[in-house]
Amino acid sequence: MVNHNKNHLDEVFHALADSTRRELVHMMAEKERTVSELAEPFDMSLAAISKHIKVLERANLVDRSVKGRIHTCRLNTDSLYQATEWLRFYEKYWNNRFDLLENELLKAKKKEH
C-alpha cells in the first residue's frame, strides 16, 4: 500500500468531508478565485467562507496569495493527488476481488450446463 503521512491524509479527508468545501475545491479546479468570488454562490458570510478556506489550507489543498486586500485562492493538486493514490490502492483491491468473484461465478455457471 502507498504509505503517506496519516495525519496529512486525515486533514485532507476531513476537509473534503464537507460539501461546501468540496464545492470550493471544484470552483478552484476551474480557475483561481478571490475569496469574494468563492463566497458568491453560497448563502453565508465571507467570514464563514474564510473558515472553510482555512480548513482547506490546513489540509494543503489550497494556496492563498494576498495582494493588498485581495485574497486569491488556487487549488494545490499535490494533496489531492496523494489522496487519490491512497484511494487507488483500494480501487485495485476491489477490482481484483470482483474479478475473482466473476471467475467463480463463471465456473459455477459452466458446471450448471
N, C-alpha and C. Protein backbone atom coordinates (compact mmCIF):
# COMPACT_ATOMS: atom_id res chain seq x y z
N MET A 1 0.84 -1.18 0.00
CA MET A 1 0.00 0.00 0.00
C MET A 1 0.88 1.24 0.00
N VAL A 2 0.39 2.29 -0.62
CA VAL A 2 1.11 3.56 -0.65
C VAL A 2 1.15 4.10 0.77
N ASN A 3 2.34 4.46 1.24
CA ASN A 3 2.49 4.95 2.61
C ASN A 3 2.57 6.47 2.61
N HIS A 4 1.59 7.10 3.21
CA HIS A 4 1.56 8.56 3.30
C HIS A 4 1.43 8.96 4.75
N ASN A 5 1.77 10.18 5.03
CA ASN A 5 1.61 10.72 6.36
C ASN A 5 0.14 10.64 6.75
N LYS A 6 -0.15 9.81 7.76
CA LYS A 6 -1.53 9.57 8.18
C LYS A 6 -2.23 10.86 8.57
N ASN A 7 -1.56 11.72 9.32
CA ASN A 7 -2.18 12.97 9.75
C ASN A 7 -2.55 13.85 8.56
N HIS A 8 -1.70 13.87 7.55
CA HIS A 8 -2.00 14.68 6.37
C HIS A 8 -3.23 14.16 5.66
N LEU A 9 -3.31 12.85 5.47
CA LEU A 9 -4.50 12.29 4.81
C LEU A 9 -5.74 12.52 5.66
N ASP A 10 -5.61 12.45 6.98
CA ASP A 10 -6.75 12.75 7.86
C ASP A 10 -7.24 14.17 7.60
N GLU A 11 -6.32 15.11 7.48
CA GLU A 11 -6.69 16.50 7.23
C GLU A 11 -7.35 16.66 5.86
N VAL A 12 -6.81 15.98 4.85
CA VAL A 12 -7.38 16.08 3.51
C VAL A 12 -8.80 15.53 3.49
N PHE A 13 -8.99 14.32 4.04
CA PHE A 13 -10.32 13.73 4.01
C PHE A 13 -11.30 14.48 4.91
N HIS A 14 -10.82 15.04 6.01
CA HIS A 14 -11.67 15.88 6.85
C HIS A 14 -12.12 17.10 6.06
N ALA A 15 -11.19 17.73 5.37
CA ALA A 15 -11.52 18.92 4.58
C ALA A 15 -12.53 18.60 3.49
N LEU A 16 -12.37 17.46 2.86
CA LEU A 16 -13.26 17.08 1.75
C LEU A 16 -14.57 16.47 2.21
N ALA A 17 -14.71 16.22 3.50
CA ALA A 17 -15.94 15.63 4.02
C ALA A 17 -17.11 16.60 4.00
N ASP A 18 -16.82 17.88 3.87
CA ASP A 18 -17.86 18.91 3.89
C ASP A 18 -18.24 19.30 2.46
N SER A 19 -19.53 19.33 2.18
CA SER A 19 -19.99 19.62 0.80
C SER A 19 -19.63 21.04 0.35
N THR A 20 -19.63 22.00 1.26
CA THR A 20 -19.24 23.37 0.89
C THR A 20 -17.79 23.40 0.46
N ARG A 21 -16.93 22.73 1.22
CA ARG A 21 -15.51 22.72 0.86
C ARG A 21 -15.27 21.96 -0.43
N ARG A 22 -16.01 20.88 -0.66
CA ARG A 22 -15.86 20.17 -1.94
C ARG A 22 -16.25 21.08 -3.09
N GLU A 23 -17.29 21.88 -2.92
CA GLU A 23 -17.70 22.81 -3.97
C GLU A 23 -16.64 23.89 -4.18
N LEU A 24 -16.04 24.37 -3.09
CA LEU A 24 -14.97 25.35 -3.22
C LEU A 24 -13.80 24.77 -4.00
N VAL A 25 -13.44 23.52 -3.71
CA VAL A 25 -12.36 22.85 -4.44
C VAL A 25 -12.73 22.75 -5.91
N HIS A 26 -13.96 22.39 -6.19
CA HIS A 26 -14.42 22.28 -7.58
C HIS A 26 -14.30 23.63 -8.29
N MET A 27 -14.70 24.69 -7.61
CA MET A 27 -14.62 26.03 -8.22
C MET A 27 -13.18 26.41 -8.51
N MET A 28 -12.26 26.09 -7.58
CA MET A 28 -10.85 26.42 -7.79
C MET A 28 -10.20 25.52 -8.82
N ALA A 29 -10.76 24.36 -9.06
CA ALA A 29 -10.23 23.48 -10.10
C ALA A 29 -10.45 24.10 -11.48
N GLU A 30 -11.51 24.89 -11.60
CA GLU A 30 -11.78 25.57 -12.87
C GLU A 30 -10.80 26.71 -13.11
N LYS A 31 -10.54 27.50 -12.04
CA LYS A 31 -9.59 28.61 -12.13
C LYS A 31 -9.37 29.17 -10.72
N GLU A 32 -8.28 29.91 -10.54
CA GLU A 32 -8.06 30.54 -9.24
C GLU A 32 -9.11 31.62 -9.05
N ARG A 33 -9.48 31.83 -7.79
CA ARG A 33 -10.57 32.76 -7.49
C ARG A 33 -10.28 33.56 -6.24
N THR A 34 -10.88 34.74 -6.17
CA THR A 34 -10.78 35.52 -4.95
C THR A 34 -11.75 34.94 -3.92
N VAL A 35 -11.53 35.30 -2.66
CA VAL A 35 -12.43 34.82 -1.61
C VAL A 35 -13.85 35.31 -1.89
N SER A 36 -13.99 36.52 -2.37
CA SER A 36 -15.32 37.06 -2.70
C SER A 36 -15.99 36.23 -3.80
N GLU A 37 -15.22 35.86 -4.82
CA GLU A 37 -15.78 35.02 -5.89
C GLU A 37 -16.19 33.66 -5.36
N LEU A 38 -15.38 33.11 -4.45
CA LEU A 38 -15.72 31.82 -3.88
C LEU A 38 -16.98 31.90 -3.01
N ALA A 39 -17.17 33.02 -2.34
CA ALA A 39 -18.32 33.18 -1.45
C ALA A 39 -19.62 33.43 -2.20
N GLU A 40 -19.53 33.97 -3.41
CA GLU A 40 -20.70 34.43 -4.15
C GLU A 40 -21.85 33.43 -4.24
N PRO A 41 -21.61 32.17 -4.61
CA PRO A 41 -22.75 31.27 -4.78
C PRO A 41 -23.35 30.73 -3.47
N PHE A 42 -22.71 31.04 -2.35
CA PHE A 42 -23.16 30.48 -1.08
C PHE A 42 -23.95 31.50 -0.26
N ASP A 43 -24.89 31.00 0.48
CA ASP A 43 -25.68 31.85 1.37
C ASP A 43 -25.03 31.86 2.75
N MET A 44 -23.82 32.43 2.79
CA MET A 44 -23.10 32.55 4.07
C MET A 44 -22.15 33.73 3.99
N SER A 45 -21.68 34.14 5.14
CA SER A 45 -20.83 35.33 5.22
C SER A 45 -19.43 35.06 4.67
N LEU A 46 -18.71 36.13 4.38
CA LEU A 46 -17.31 36.00 3.97
C LEU A 46 -16.49 35.33 5.09
N ALA A 47 -16.82 35.65 6.34
CA ALA A 47 -16.11 35.05 7.47
C ALA A 47 -16.30 33.53 7.49
N ALA A 48 -17.51 33.06 7.19
CA ALA A 48 -17.78 31.62 7.17
C ALA A 48 -17.02 30.95 6.02
N ILE A 49 -17.03 31.59 4.85
CA ILE A 49 -16.28 31.04 3.72
C ILE A 49 -14.79 31.02 4.04
N SER A 50 -14.32 32.07 4.68
CA SER A 50 -12.91 32.14 5.06
C SER A 50 -12.53 31.00 5.99
N LYS A 51 -13.42 30.63 6.90
CA LYS A 51 -13.15 29.49 7.79
C LYS A 51 -13.04 28.19 6.99
N HIS A 52 -13.91 28.03 6.00
CA HIS A 52 -13.83 26.84 5.15
C HIS A 52 -12.51 26.83 4.38
N ILE A 53 -12.11 27.97 3.88
CA ILE A 53 -10.86 28.07 3.13
C ILE A 53 -9.67 27.73 4.04
N LYS A 54 -9.72 28.18 5.29
CA LYS A 54 -8.64 27.87 6.23
C LYS A 54 -8.52 26.37 6.47
N VAL A 55 -9.64 25.67 6.53
CA VAL A 55 -9.60 24.21 6.67
C VAL A 55 -8.92 23.61 5.45
N LEU A 56 -9.25 24.11 4.26
CA LEU A 56 -8.63 23.61 3.03
C LEU A 56 -7.13 23.94 3.01
N GLU A 57 -6.77 25.09 3.54
CA GLU A 57 -5.35 25.47 3.60
C GLU A 57 -4.59 24.55 4.56
N ARG A 58 -5.18 24.25 5.73
CA ARG A 58 -4.51 23.35 6.68
C ARG A 58 -4.27 21.97 6.08
N ALA A 59 -5.17 21.56 5.20
CA ALA A 59 -5.02 20.28 4.51
C ALA A 59 -4.10 20.40 3.29
N ASN A 60 -3.58 21.60 3.08
CA ASN A 60 -2.68 21.88 1.95
C ASN A 60 -3.37 21.65 0.60
N LEU A 61 -4.69 21.85 0.58
CA LEU A 61 -5.44 21.73 -0.67
C LEU A 61 -5.53 23.07 -1.40
N VAL A 62 -5.26 24.16 -0.68
CA VAL A 62 -5.40 25.49 -1.24
C VAL A 62 -4.18 26.33 -0.91
N ASP A 63 -3.73 27.08 -1.88
CA ASP A 63 -2.70 28.11 -1.68
C ASP A 63 -3.39 29.46 -1.81
N ARG A 64 -3.09 30.34 -0.87
CA ARG A 64 -3.70 31.67 -0.89
C ARG A 64 -2.60 32.71 -1.07
N SER A 65 -2.85 33.66 -1.95
CA SER A 65 -1.93 34.79 -2.10
C SER A 65 -2.70 36.06 -1.77
N VAL A 66 -1.98 37.04 -1.25
CA VAL A 66 -2.61 38.29 -0.83
C VAL A 66 -1.92 39.45 -1.54
N LYS A 67 -2.71 40.25 -2.22
CA LYS A 67 -2.22 41.49 -2.85
C LYS A 67 -3.13 42.60 -2.36
N GLY A 68 -2.61 43.39 -1.44
CA GLY A 68 -3.43 44.43 -0.82
C GLY A 68 -4.53 43.77 -0.01
N ARG A 69 -5.78 44.08 -0.37
CA ARG A 69 -6.92 43.50 0.34
C ARG A 69 -7.52 42.31 -0.41
N ILE A 70 -6.94 41.97 -1.53
CA ILE A 70 -7.47 40.88 -2.37
C ILE A 70 -6.77 39.58 -2.02
N HIS A 71 -7.55 38.60 -1.57
CA HIS A 71 -7.05 37.26 -1.28
C HIS A 71 -7.46 36.35 -2.43
N THR A 72 -6.47 35.76 -3.09
CA THR A 72 -6.74 34.86 -4.21
C THR A 72 -6.36 33.45 -3.81
N CYS A 73 -7.24 32.51 -4.13
CA CYS A 73 -7.03 31.11 -3.76
C CYS A 73 -6.88 30.27 -5.02
N ARG A 74 -5.95 29.34 -4.95
CA ARG A 74 -5.76 28.40 -6.05
C ARG A 74 -5.62 27.00 -5.47
N LEU A 75 -6.05 26.04 -6.24
CA LEU A 75 -6.01 24.64 -5.82
C LEU A 75 -4.58 24.13 -5.83
N ASN A 76 -4.20 23.44 -4.77
CA ASN A 76 -2.91 22.75 -4.71
C ASN A 76 -3.21 21.28 -4.98
N THR A 77 -2.87 20.82 -6.16
CA THR A 77 -3.25 19.47 -6.57
C THR A 77 -2.39 18.37 -5.94
N ASP A 78 -1.27 18.73 -5.32
CA ASP A 78 -0.41 17.70 -4.71
C ASP A 78 -1.16 16.90 -3.65
N SER A 79 -1.90 17.59 -2.79
CA SER A 79 -2.64 16.89 -1.73
C SER A 79 -3.76 16.05 -2.30
N LEU A 80 -4.42 16.55 -3.33
CA LEU A 80 -5.46 15.75 -3.99
C LEU A 80 -4.85 14.51 -4.62
N TYR A 81 -3.69 14.66 -5.20
CA TYR A 81 -3.01 13.52 -5.82
C TYR A 81 -2.70 12.45 -4.77
N GLN A 82 -2.21 12.86 -3.61
CA GLN A 82 -1.89 11.91 -2.55
C GLN A 82 -3.14 11.17 -2.09
N ALA A 83 -4.24 11.88 -1.95
CA ALA A 83 -5.49 11.24 -1.54
C ALA A 83 -5.97 10.27 -2.63
N THR A 84 -5.82 10.67 -3.88
CA THR A 84 -6.21 9.82 -4.99
C THR A 84 -5.37 8.54 -5.02
N GLU A 85 -4.08 8.67 -4.76
CA GLU A 85 -3.21 7.49 -4.72
C GLU A 85 -3.63 6.54 -3.61
N TRP A 86 -4.01 7.09 -2.47
CA TRP A 86 -4.47 6.25 -1.35
C TRP A 86 -5.74 5.51 -1.75
N LEU A 87 -6.66 6.21 -2.39
CA LEU A 87 -7.91 5.59 -2.83
C LEU A 87 -7.67 4.58 -3.96
N ARG A 88 -6.69 4.86 -4.81
CA ARG A 88 -6.41 3.98 -5.94
C ARG A 88 -6.00 2.58 -5.47
N PHE A 89 -5.29 2.51 -4.35
CA PHE A 89 -4.91 1.21 -3.80
C PHE A 89 -6.16 0.37 -3.55
N TYR A 90 -7.17 0.98 -2.95
CA TYR A 90 -8.40 0.24 -2.64
C TYR A 90 -9.24 -0.02 -3.88
N GLU A 91 -9.15 0.83 -4.85
CA GLU A 91 -9.82 0.57 -6.12
C GLU A 91 -9.24 -0.70 -6.76
N LYS A 92 -7.91 -0.81 -6.76
CA LYS A 92 -7.27 -2.02 -7.31
C LYS A 92 -7.66 -3.25 -6.50
N TYR A 93 -7.68 -3.10 -5.19
CA TYR A 93 -8.06 -4.22 -4.32
C TYR A 93 -9.46 -4.72 -4.68
N TRP A 94 -10.44 -3.81 -4.76
CA TRP A 94 -11.80 -4.22 -5.04
C TRP A 94 -11.96 -4.72 -6.46
N ASN A 95 -11.25 -4.14 -7.40
CA ASN A 95 -11.31 -4.65 -8.77
C ASN A 95 -10.81 -6.08 -8.83
N ASN A 96 -9.74 -6.38 -8.12
CA ASN A 96 -9.21 -7.75 -8.07
C ASN A 96 -10.22 -8.70 -7.43
N ARG A 97 -10.84 -8.25 -6.34
CA ARG A 97 -11.82 -9.08 -5.65
C ARG A 97 -13.02 -9.37 -6.55
N PHE A 98 -13.49 -8.35 -7.28
CA PHE A 98 -14.63 -8.54 -8.19
C PHE A 98 -14.25 -9.44 -9.36
N ASP A 99 -13.02 -9.33 -9.83
CA ASP A 99 -12.56 -10.23 -10.90
C ASP A 99 -12.57 -11.68 -10.42
N LEU A 100 -12.10 -11.91 -9.19
CA LEU A 100 -12.13 -13.26 -8.64
C LEU A 100 -13.57 -13.78 -8.50
N LEU A 101 -14.45 -12.93 -8.03
CA LEU A 101 -15.86 -13.31 -7.89
C LEU A 101 -16.46 -13.64 -9.25
N GLU A 102 -16.16 -12.81 -10.25
CA GLU A 102 -16.68 -13.06 -11.60
C GLU A 102 -16.20 -14.41 -12.12
N ASN A 103 -14.93 -14.72 -11.90
CA ASN A 103 -14.38 -16.01 -12.34
C ASN A 103 -15.09 -17.17 -11.66
N GLU A 104 -15.33 -17.03 -10.37
CA GLU A 104 -16.02 -18.10 -9.64
C GLU A 104 -17.46 -18.26 -10.14
N LEU A 105 -18.13 -17.17 -10.41
CA LEU A 105 -19.50 -17.24 -10.92
C LEU A 105 -19.53 -17.87 -12.30
N LEU A 106 -18.55 -17.55 -13.14
CA LEU A 106 -18.49 -18.16 -14.47
C LEU A 106 -18.23 -19.66 -14.38
N LYS A 107 -17.36 -20.08 -13.44
CA LYS A 107 -17.11 -21.51 -13.23
C LYS A 107 -18.38 -22.21 -12.78
N ALA A 108 -19.10 -21.60 -11.86
CA ALA A 108 -20.34 -22.19 -11.36
C ALA A 108 -21.38 -22.29 -12.46
N LYS A 109 -21.44 -21.30 -13.32
CA LYS A 109 -22.41 -21.30 -14.42
C LYS A 109 -22.08 -22.42 -15.42
N LYS A 110 -20.78 -22.63 -15.69
CA LYS A 110 -20.37 -23.69 -16.61
C LYS A 110 -20.72 -25.06 -16.06
N LYS A 111 -20.60 -25.23 -14.75
CA LYS A 111 -20.92 -26.51 -14.11
C LYS A 111 -22.42 -26.82 -14.21
N GLU A 112 -23.23 -25.76 -14.22
CA GLU A 112 -24.69 -25.95 -14.32
C GLU A 112 -25.09 -26.48 -15.69
N HIS A 113 -24.35 -26.13 -16.71
CA HIS A 113 -24.72 -26.52 -18.07
C HIS A 113 -24.06 -27.76 -18.45
